[in-house]
C-alpha atoms as a PDB file:
ATOM      1  CA  MET A   1       0.000   0.000   0.000  1.00  0.00           C
ATOM      2  CA  GLU A   2       1.229   3.501  -0.824  1.00  0.00           C
ATOM      3  CA  ARG A   3       0.115   7.042  -0.105  1.00  0.00           C
ATOM      4  CA  LEU A   4      -2.242   8.337  -2.751  1.00  0.00           C
ATOM      5  CA  GLN A   5      -0.233  11.494  -3.491  1.00  0.00           C
ATOM      6  CA  LYS A   6       2.905   9.393  -4.031  1.00  0.00           C
ATOM      7  CA  VAL A   7       1.068   7.138  -6.486  1.00  0.00           C
ATOM      8  CA  LEU A   8      -0.185  10.174  -8.416  1.00  0.00           C
ATOM      9  CA  ALA A   9       3.339  11.636  -8.583  1.00  0.00           C
ATOM     10  CA  HIS A  10       4.860   8.366  -9.761  1.00  0.00           C
ATOM     11  CA  ALA A  11       2.206   8.098 -12.475  1.00  0.00           C
ATOM     12  CA  GLY A  12       3.284  11.487 -13.819  1.00  0.00           C
ATOM     13  CA  VAL A  13      -0.013  13.178 -12.973  1.00  0.00           C
ATOM     14  CA  ALA A  14       1.581  15.955 -10.897  1.00  0.00           C
ATOM     15  CA  SER A  15       4.351  16.659  -8.434  1.00  0.00           C
ATOM     16  CA  ARG A  16       3.641  15.335  -4.963  1.00  0.00           C
ATOM     17  CA  ARG A  17       2.810  18.799  -3.651  1.00  0.00           C
ATOM     18  CA  ARG A  18       0.433  19.507  -6.535  1.00  0.00           C
ATOM     19  CA  ALA A  19      -1.074  16.033  -6.139  1.00  0.00           C
ATOM     20  CA  GLU A  20      -1.954  16.926  -2.576  1.00  0.00           C
ATOM     21  CA  GLY A  21      -3.797  19.964  -3.903  1.00  0.00           C
ATOM     22  CA  LEU A  22      -5.741  17.801  -6.353  1.00  0.00           C
ATOM     23  CA  ILE A  23      -6.777  15.491  -3.517  1.00  0.00           C
ATOM     24  CA  GLN A  24      -7.871  18.328  -1.247  1.00  0.00           C
ATOM     25  CA  ALA A  25      -9.839  19.880  -4.113  1.00  0.00           C
ATOM     26  CA  GLY A  26     -11.868  16.680  -4.504  1.00  0.00           C
ATOM     27  CA  ARG A  27     -10.556  15.975  -7.998  1.00  0.00           C
ATOM     28  CA  VAL A  28      -9.308  12.455  -7.201  1.00  0.00           C
ATOM     29  CA  ARG A  29     -11.479   9.345  -6.960  1.00  0.00           C
ATOM     30  CA  VAL A  30     -10.488   5.901  -5.737  1.00  0.00           C
ATOM     31  CA  ASN A  31     -12.811   3.101  -6.828  1.00  0.00           C
ATOM     32  CA  GLY A  32     -15.398   5.701  -7.733  1.00  0.00           C
ATOM     33  CA  GLN A  33     -15.302   7.541  -4.393  1.00  0.00           C
ATOM     34  CA  VAL A  34     -13.895  11.051  -3.936  1.00  0.00           C
ATOM     35  CA  VAL A  35     -10.912  11.022  -1.576  1.00  0.00           C
ATOM     36  CA  ARG A  36      -9.909  14.258   0.156  1.00  0.00           C
ATOM     37  CA  LYS A  37      -7.788  12.942   3.009  1.00  0.00           C
ATOM     38  CA  LEU A  38      -4.046  13.309   2.534  1.00  0.00           C
ATOM     39  CA  GLY A  39      -2.067  10.184   3.309  1.00  0.00           C
ATOM     40  CA  THR A  40      -4.831   7.822   2.225  1.00  0.00           C
ATOM     41  CA  LYS A  41      -3.251   4.462   1.399  1.00  0.00           C
ATOM     42  CA  VAL A  42      -4.067   2.784  -1.916  1.00  0.00           C
ATOM     43  CA  ASP A  43      -2.932  -0.239  -3.889  1.00  0.00           C
ATOM     44  CA  PRO A  44      -1.991   1.039  -7.367  1.00  0.00           C
ATOM     45  CA  GLU A  45      -2.173  -2.504  -8.758  1.00  0.00           C
ATOM     46  CA  ARG A  46      -5.744  -3.126  -7.637  1.00  0.00           C
ATOM     47  CA  ASP A  47      -7.465   0.192  -6.941  1.00  0.00           C
ATOM     48  CA  VAL A  48      -8.989   2.250  -9.767  1.00  0.00           C
ATOM     49  CA  ILE A  49      -7.646   5.775  -9.353  1.00  0.00           C
ATOM     50  CA  ALA A  50      -8.898   8.662 -11.494  1.00  0.00           C
ATOM     51  CA  VAL A  51      -8.134  12.382 -11.694  1.00  0.00           C
ATOM     52  CA  ASP A  52     -10.843  14.592 -13.168  1.00  0.00           C
ATOM     53  CA  GLY A  53     -12.460  11.408 -14.452  1.00  0.00           C
ATOM     54  CA  GLN A  54      -9.300  10.196 -16.234  1.00  0.00           C
ATOM     55  CA  PRO A  55      -7.859   6.878 -14.971  1.00  0.00           C
ATOM     56  CA  ILE A  56      -4.209   7.394 -14.087  1.00  0.00           C
ATOM     57  CA  ALA A  57      -3.326   4.383 -16.252  1.00  0.00           C
ATOM     58  CA  GLN A  58      -3.681   6.806 -19.178  1.00  0.00           C
ATOM     59  CA  PHE A  59      -0.895   8.904 -17.708  1.00  0.00           C
ATOM     60  CA  ALA A  60       1.335   6.011 -16.751  1.00  0.00           C
ATOM     61  CA  SER A  61       2.232   4.531 -20.153  1.00  0.00           C
ATOM     62  CA  HIS A  62       4.581   7.434 -20.811  1.00  0.00           C
ATOM     63  CA  THR A  63       5.472  10.583 -18.915  1.00  0.00           C
ATOM     64  CA  TYR A  64       5.013  14.036 -20.451  1.00  0.00           C
ATOM     65  CA  ILE A  65       6.103  17.090 -18.453  1.00  0.00           C
ATOM     66  CA  LEU A  66       5.896  20.734 -19.477  1.00  0.00           C
ATOM     67  CA  LEU A  67       8.524  22.800 -17.650  1.00  0.00           C
ATOM     68  CA  HIS A  68       9.252  26.521 -17.521  1.00  0.00           C
ATOM     69  CA  LYS A  69      13.038  26.385 -17.653  1.00  0.00           C
ATOM     70  CA  PRO A  70      14.631  29.296 -15.805  1.00  0.00           C
ATOM     71  CA  PRO A  71      17.747  31.002 -17.173  1.00  0.00           C
ATOM     72  CA  GLY A  72      20.983  29.406 -15.973  1.00  0.00           C
ATOM     73  CA  VAL A  73      19.604  25.853 -16.047  1.00  0.00           C
ATOM     74  CA  LEU A  74      20.980  23.359 -18.580  1.00  0.00           C
ATOM     75  CA  SER A  75      18.658  21.556 -21.005  1.00  0.00           C
ATOM     76  CA  THR A  76      20.348  18.207 -20.510  1.00  0.00           C
ATOM     77  CA  THR A  77      19.937  15.135 -18.351  1.00  0.00           C
ATOM     78  CA  HIS A  78      23.331  15.358 -16.627  1.00  0.00           C
ATOM     79  CA  ASP A  79      26.196  17.797 -16.248  1.00  0.00           C
ATOM     80  CA  PRO A  80      29.673  16.501 -15.322  1.00  0.00           C
ATOM     81  CA  HIS A  81      30.405  19.813 -13.584  1.00  0.00           C
ATOM     82  CA  GLY A  82      27.420  19.497 -11.278  1.00  0.00           C
ATOM     83  CA  ARG A  83      25.482  22.437 -12.699  1.00  0.00           C
ATOM     84  CA  LEU A  84      21.688  22.519 -12.383  1.00  0.00           C
ATOM     85  CA  THR A  85      19.784  20.711 -15.149  1.00  0.00           C
ATOM     86  CA  VAL A  86      16.118  20.542 -16.104  1.00  0.00           C
ATOM     87  CA  LEU A  87      15.855  17.112 -14.453  1.00  0.00           C
ATOM     88  CA  ASP A  88      16.781  18.683 -11.109  1.00  0.00           C
ATOM     89  CA  LEU A  89      13.593  20.753 -11.285  1.00  0.00           C
ATOM     90  CA  VAL A  90      11.003  18.007 -11.783  1.00  0.00           C
ATOM     91  CA  GLU A  91       9.767  15.271  -9.495  1.00  0.00           C
ATOM     92  CA  THR A  92       9.424  12.010 -11.390  1.00  0.00           C
ATOM     93  CA  GLU A  93      10.898   8.542 -11.339  1.00  0.00           C
ATOM     94  CA  ALA A  94      10.491   8.171 -15.106  1.00  0.00           C
ATOM     95  CA  ARG A  95      13.653   8.412 -17.191  1.00  0.00           C
ATOM     96  CA  VAL A  96      12.599  11.547 -19.051  1.00  0.00           C
ATOM     97  CA  TYR A  97      14.783  13.739 -21.225  1.00  0.00           C
ATOM     98  CA  PRO A  98      14.262  17.122 -22.919  1.00  0.00           C
ATOM     99  CA  VAL A  99      12.692  17.341 -26.373  1.00  0.00           C
ATOM    100  CA  GLY A 100      14.911  19.854 -28.125  1.00  0.00           C
ATOM    101  CA  ARG A 101      16.943  22.367 -26.173  1.00  0.00           C
ATOM    102  CA  LEU A 102      17.033  25.887 -24.869  1.00  0.00           C
ATOM    103  CA  ASP A 103      20.481  27.344 -24.344  1.00  0.00           C
ATOM    104  CA  LYS A 104      21.646  27.994 -20.788  1.00  0.00           C
ATOM    105  CA  ASP A 105      20.774  31.701 -20.820  1.00  0.00           C
ATOM    106  CA  SER A 106      17.315  31.253 -22.338  1.00  0.00           C
ATOM    107  CA  GLU A 107      14.109  30.339 -20.551  1.00  0.00           C
ATOM    108  CA  GLY A 108      10.604  29.134 -21.160  1.00  0.00           C
ATOM    109  CA  LEU A 109       8.777  26.070 -22.385  1.00  0.00           C
ATOM    110  CA  ILE A 110      10.565  22.771 -22.615  1.00  0.00           C
ATOM    111  CA  LEU A 111       8.962  19.327 -22.899  1.00  0.00           C
ATOM    112  CA  LEU A 112      10.369  16.354 -20.983  1.00  0.00           C
ATOM    113  CA  THR A 113       9.289  12.826 -21.860  1.00  0.00           C
ATOM    114  CA  ASP A 114      10.311   9.195 -22.022  1.00  0.00           C
ATOM    115  CA  ASP A 115       8.361   8.712 -25.268  1.00  0.00           C
ATOM    116  CA  GLY A 116      11.191   8.340 -27.768  1.00  0.00           C
ATOM    117  CA  GLU A 117       8.987   7.949 -30.833  1.00  0.00           C
ATOM    118  CA  LEU A 118       7.112  11.168 -30.128  1.00  0.00           C
ATOM    119  CA  ALA A 119      10.315  13.039 -29.270  1.00  0.00           C
ATOM    120  CA  HIS A 120      11.814  12.086 -32.629  1.00  0.00           C
ATOM    121  CA  ARG A 121       8.768  13.318 -34.501  1.00  0.00           C
ATOM    122  CA  LEU A 122       8.698  16.609 -32.616  1.00  0.00           C
ATOM    123  CA  THR A 123      12.370  17.402 -33.249  1.00  0.00           C
ATOM    124  CA  HIS A 124      12.944  16.132 -36.794  1.00  0.00           C
ATOM    125  CA  PRO A 125      13.504  19.104 -39.155  1.00  0.00           C
ATOM    126  CA  ARG A 126      11.224  17.747 -41.885  1.00  0.00           C
ATOM    127  CA  TYR A 127       8.120  18.318 -39.745  1.00  0.00           C
ATOM    128  CA  GLU A 128       8.752  22.099 -39.536  1.00  0.00           C
ATOM    129  CA  HIS A 129       7.075  22.530 -36.153  1.00  0.00           C
ATOM    130  CA  GLU A 130       6.437  26.101 -35.054  1.00  0.00           C
ATOM    131  CA  LYS A 131       8.167  27.580 -32.033  1.00  0.00           C
ATOM    132  CA  ALA A 132       7.247  31.004 -30.667  1.00  0.00           C
ATOM    133  CA  TYR A 133       9.447  33.262 -28.545  1.00  0.00           C
ATOM    134  CA  ARG A 134       9.222  36.576 -26.717  1.00  0.00           C
ATOM    135  CA  VAL A 135      12.573  38.259 -27.194  1.00  0.00           C
ATOM    136  CA  LEU A 136      13.886  41.424 -25.530  1.00  0.00           C
ATOM    137  CA  VAL A 137      16.543  42.990 -27.760  1.00  0.00           C
ATOM    138  CA  GLU A 138      18.825  46.003 -27.517  1.00  0.00           C
ATOM    139  CA  GLY A 139      17.311  49.013 -29.293  1.00  0.00           C
ATOM    140  CA  ARG A 140      14.209  49.039 -31.456  1.00  0.00           C
ATOM    141  CA  PRO A 141      14.553  47.277 -34.819  1.00  0.00           C
ATOM    142  CA  ASP A 142      13.541  49.502 -37.729  1.00  0.00           C
ATOM    143  CA  ASP A 143      11.477  48.316 -40.673  1.00  0.00           C
ATOM    144  CA  ARG A 144      14.579  47.191 -42.578  1.00  0.00           C
ATOM    145  CA  ALA A 145      15.815  45.016 -39.693  1.00  0.00           C
ATOM    146  CA  LEU A 146      12.353  43.519 -39.174  1.00  0.00           C
ATOM    147  CA  ARG A 147      12.074  42.731 -42.871  1.00  0.00           C
ATOM    148  CA  LYS A 148      15.425  40.918 -42.762  1.00  0.00           C
ATOM    149  CA  LEU A 149      14.291  38.817 -39.817  1.00  0.00           C
ATOM    150  CA  GLN A 150      11.022  38.030 -41.566  1.00  0.00           C
ATOM    151  CA  GLU A 151      12.497  37.178 -44.966  1.00  0.00           C
ATOM    152  CA  GLY A 152      15.616  35.330 -43.806  1.00  0.00           C
ATOM    153  CA  VAL A 153      18.964  36.192 -42.244  1.00  0.00           C
ATOM    154  CA  GLU A 154      22.258  34.906 -43.601  1.00  0.00           C
ATOM    155  CA  LEU A 155      24.026  32.967 -40.878  1.00  0.00           C
ATOM    156  CA  GLU A 156      27.276  31.056 -41.250  1.00  0.00           C
ATOM    157  CA  GLU A 157      25.760  27.938 -42.782  1.00  0.00           C
ATOM    158  CA  GLU A 158      22.873  29.356 -44.873  1.00  0.00           C
ATOM    159  CA  VAL A 159      19.955  31.761 -44.911  1.00  0.00           C
ATOM    160  CA  THR A 160      17.257  31.150 -42.318  1.00  0.00           C
ATOM    161  CA  TRP A 161      13.733  30.312 -43.381  1.00  0.00           C
ATOM    162  CA  PRO A 162      11.105  33.080 -43.338  1.00  0.00           C
ATOM    163  CA  ALA A 163       9.873  33.921 -39.841  1.00  0.00           C
ATOM    164  CA  ALA A 164       6.973  35.829 -38.323  1.00  0.00           C
ATOM    165  CA  VAL A 165       8.405  38.785 -36.382  1.00  0.00           C
ATOM    166  CA  GLU A 166       6.653  41.766 -34.835  1.00  0.00           C
ATOM    167  CA  VAL A 167       7.383  44.387 -32.190  1.00  0.00           C
ATOM    168  CA  GLU A 168       5.181  43.961 -29.115  1.00  0.00           C
ATOM    169  CA  ALA A 169       6.438  46.705 -26.797  1.00  0.00           C
ATOM    170  CA  GLU A 170       9.391  48.915 -25.898  1.00  0.00           C
ATOM    171  CA  GLU A 171      11.248  48.656 -22.604  1.00  0.00           C
ATOM    172  CA  GLY A 172      14.323  50.346 -21.143  1.00  0.00           C
ATOM    173  CA  GLY A 173      16.040  51.215 -24.394  1.00  0.00           C
ATOM    174  CA  GLY A 174      15.072  47.898 -25.945  1.00  0.00           C
ATOM    175  CA  ALA A 175      12.103  46.228 -27.564  1.00  0.00           C
ATOM    176  CA  TRP A 176      10.134  43.043 -26.996  1.00  0.00           C
ATOM    177  CA  LEU A 177       9.697  41.046 -30.186  1.00  0.00           C
ATOM    178  CA  ARG A 178       7.472  38.069 -30.875  1.00  0.00           C
ATOM    179  CA  VAL A 179       9.352  35.668 -33.128  1.00  0.00           C
ATOM    180  CA  VAL A 180       7.869  32.504 -34.657  1.00  0.00           C
ATOM    181  CA  ILE A 181      10.199  30.116 -36.507  1.00  0.00           C
ATOM    182  CA  HIS A 182       9.943  26.649 -38.041  1.00  0.00           C
ATOM    183  CA  GLU A 183      13.589  25.680 -37.623  1.00  0.00           C
ATOM    184  CA  GLY A 184      15.668  24.594 -34.661  1.00  0.00           C
ATOM    185  CA  ARG A 185      19.261  25.617 -35.346  1.00  0.00           C
ATOM    186  CA  LYS A 186      21.600  26.158 -32.435  1.00  0.00           C
ATOM    187  CA  ARG A 187      20.943  29.531 -30.765  1.00  0.00           C
ATOM    188  CA  GLN A 188      19.076  30.515 -33.927  1.00  0.00           C
ATOM    189  CA  VAL A 189      16.940  33.396 -32.633  1.00  0.00           C
ATOM    190  CA  ARG A 190      19.881  34.937 -30.782  1.00  0.00           C
ATOM    191  CA  ARG A 191      22.052  34.717 -33.892  1.00  0.00           C
ATOM    192  CA  MET A 192      19.322  36.171 -36.108  1.00  0.00           C
ATOM    193  CA  CYS A 193      18.870  39.197 -33.865  1.00  0.00           C
ATOM    194  CA  GLN A 194      22.620  39.687 -33.508  1.00  0.00           C
ATOM    195  CA  ALA A 195      22.974  39.591 -37.305  1.00  0.00           C
ATOM    196  CA  VAL A 196      20.614  42.576 -37.727  1.00  0.00           C
ATOM    197  CA  GLY A 197      22.338  44.599 -34.997  1.00  0.00           C
ATOM    198  CA  HIS A 198      20.025  43.957 -32.046  1.00  0.00           C
ATOM    199  CA  PRO A 199      21.613  41.607 -29.485  1.00  0.00           C
ATOM    200  CA  VAL A 200      19.251  39.633 -27.251  1.00  0.00           C
ATOM    201  CA  ARG A 201      18.876  40.592 -23.590  1.00  0.00           C
ATOM    202  CA  ARG A 202      16.262  37.999 -22.735  1.00  0.00           C
ATOM    203  CA  LEU A 203      14.667  35.117 -24.620  1.00  0.00           C
ATOM    204  CA  ILE A 204      11.554  33.181 -23.533  1.00  0.00           C
ATOM    205  CA  ARG A 205      10.027  30.299 -25.494  1.00  0.00           C
ATOM    206  CA  VAL A 206       6.275  30.642 -25.023  1.00  0.00           C
ATOM    207  CA  ARG A 207       4.967  28.032 -27.450  1.00  0.00           C
ATOM    208  CA  MET A 208       6.102  24.820 -29.093  1.00  0.00           C
ATOM    209  CA  GLY A 209       3.536  23.575 -31.592  1.00  0.00           C
ATOM    210  CA  PRO A 210       0.226  23.353 -29.718  1.00  0.00           C
ATOM    211  CA  LEU A 211       1.849  23.516 -26.262  1.00  0.00           C
ATOM    212  CA  GLU A 212       1.627  26.883 -24.496  1.00  0.00           C
ATOM    213  CA  LEU A 213       3.746  28.042 -21.566  1.00  0.00           C
ATOM    214  CA  GLY A 214       0.683  29.715 -20.075  1.00  0.00           C
ATOM    215  CA  GLU A 215       0.928  30.898 -16.482  1.00  0.00           C
ATOM    216  CA  LEU A 216       3.799  28.627 -15.411  1.00  0.00           C
ATOM    217  CA  GLN A 217       6.473  30.578 -13.572  1.00  0.00           C
ATOM    218  CA  PRO A 218      10.223  29.887 -13.910  1.00  0.00           C
ATOM    219  CA  GLY A 219      10.980  26.533 -12.284  1.00  0.00           C
ATOM    220  CA  GLU A 220       7.343  25.389 -12.255  1.00  0.00           C
ATOM    221  CA  TRP A 221       6.158  22.342 -14.170  1.00  0.00           C
ATOM    222  CA  ARG A 222       3.044  20.326 -14.825  1.00  0.00           C
ATOM    223  CA  PRO A 223       2.137  17.070 -16.564  1.00  0.00           C
ATOM    224  CA  LEU A 224       0.482  17.389 -19.927  1.00  0.00           C
ATOM    225  CA  THR A 225      -3.251  16.829 -19.958  1.00  0.00           C
ATOM    226  CA  ALA A 226      -4.684  13.795 -21.713  1.00  0.00           C
ATOM    227  CA  SER A 227      -6.029  16.056 -24.477  1.00  0.00           C
ATOM    228  CA  GLU A 228      -2.596  17.671 -25.005  1.00  0.00           C
ATOM    229  CA  VAL A 229      -0.978  14.242 -25.298  1.00  0.00           C
ATOM    230  CA  ARG A 230      -3.636  13.174 -27.765  1.00  0.00           C
ATOM    231  CA  VAL A 231      -3.043  16.248 -29.944  1.00  0.00           C
ATOM    232  CA  LEU A 232       0.710  15.602 -29.934  1.00  0.00           C
ATOM    233  CA  LYS A 233       0.278  11.969 -30.895  1.00  0.00           C
ATOM    234  CA  GLU A 234      -2.193  12.814 -33.655  1.00  0.00           C
ATOM    235  CA  GLY A 235       0.155  15.486 -35.004  1.00  0.00           C
ATOM    236  CA  GLN A 236      -2.543  18.141 -35.135  1.00  0.00           C
ATOM    237  CA  GLY A 237      -2.266  21.828 -34.304  1.00  0.00           C
ATOM    238  CA  TRP A 238       1.474  22.067 -34.891  1.00  0.00           C
ATOM    239  CA  ASN A 239       1.490  24.835 -37.454  1.00  0.00           C
END
């Protein structure tokens, strides 16, 4: 027998602390009965446990975690120098790894999973999945610089694909841009902005395909919902 909140965490439904909140909110049923008492013991092999009407067996086949990576954290599973990685921020026993990467200084949405087939499909260049960023740059790009970003910037290897770029606001001698790209080259958005004379101060990935960062704060994470997993597996809503 195990504590209910521990079973929920191990199934990838939520962190243990958030699982406790789900229980107290009456969103968890065991064998059809709402359970609100923390520390309730269950048998995950025999009891039918559901969250918001979804049996946790649907979560358990694979683990899918959406994390708001803070700046300074590495998008890798291990660092030989002992620096903080994305795996240090999540609470799961599954052997998850990041789908794609954000460089150390960048922040925002990153997906962690142990579903290798899905990870391959989400990162392979031929699928051209959209990624959206909010980017604070030095200065305010003029129309010529914006047009270059939109039409393609010549980097060392080749010209980037067309991108959607617009100015959202101005701040402290800089400007916030919204940048949407279909590629995933190393430090691509930073290099694009640098190439047109507007170095990046801050970069936040706010969307990857149909997944939205939403209200998650730096360091916070949540499991994907069953509907989000279904959309990813069906390959819909990516562009």
